[in-house]
């Protein structure tokens, strides 16, 4: 989904302090091209729309200015944090100063970022062998039903009083560090009701990692950490196409099922699972659309997608999420061979296999 923000949306300008304005302009323009569709491109002025908002880069009487515009305050904060991240990578940039009201918060009155809210786990149940479904309840959840299928959990460290992120005086999200560092895995929304104030998501219980232990503890009633944070939403929306080719492994299964449930055009899917018994996670009404491959029999969703595109050509939209190496391989094929437009593919790494590292 490409968003064209209206004049009433949330916006803010940042003055970029740098040694070489033209070089920094060119570098920021190049990075913006990776994320968006060009709206204006001429000497001293560049603008593009992205999946979350508008980026406007210009040289004016103040110097080099980067403006961001978003549909809501939470998305605006996410875009501001991205600007900090991108400018840190550039040589010769010494500062980013945001102009406007509430550009930052005083250090003695820290505030939660606008794209972060606290929620309470109000339900936990096992839906099949491999997944536990959790429900969290809280306020101001409407953005999670409007844009962005994903979010990040923020789970406090065991045995510690939670310390939550805040907005620094310069307007940047500051996350707790050291012993107070939060565990922040990404998850897919499987159901949401802003009116009733809840979100549901599925945790793949692969038996490794702190989130699995946390979810198992909630299910057993032994986990005290029921107050957690949500950061988001983000990570793209439902593909806008009449010809969808989609695939991934268990980590992508909640997203794939949600997309297929909402998709009205032609769709073909491949899902890579551990074994035959794992197929119970796929609802009966979705199974006719899905090719299921089992890893214990040598199946690979990435291999299947790659072969299908090579044999039948590119679809209207190609979607894949799974292990990092597989995602990187498909991205390379996209750049070098398939060359679908930026808005016609989503190829994401959801996890990294460290077993052979």
Foldseek 3Di string as FASTA:
>chain_A
DWDEDDPPFDKWKKDWQFDDQVVVLVQVLVVVVLFFDWDDDDVQWTWTIGQFWIWIWGQDPSGTMIMTTGRHQQSVLVVVQVVVVSQVVDPGTDDIAMDDPCQFDEPVDWDARPQKDKWFWDDWDAPDDFKIKIKTFDADCVVCVPWAFKKWKWFWDPPDDADAWTTHRRGHIDADDDNGGTDIAMWGFLDDDNVRGMTMTMDGLPPDDDVNVQSVCVNVVNHPRRMIMIGDRDDGDQQDFQWEEEEEEPRCVSVVQSNVVPDDHDYAYEYEYADDSVCVVDDPVCVVRYDYHHVVVPDDRLVVVVVCCVVPNDIQAYEYEYEPVSLVVVVVCCVPPRVDPPSRYYRYYNYYDPVPD
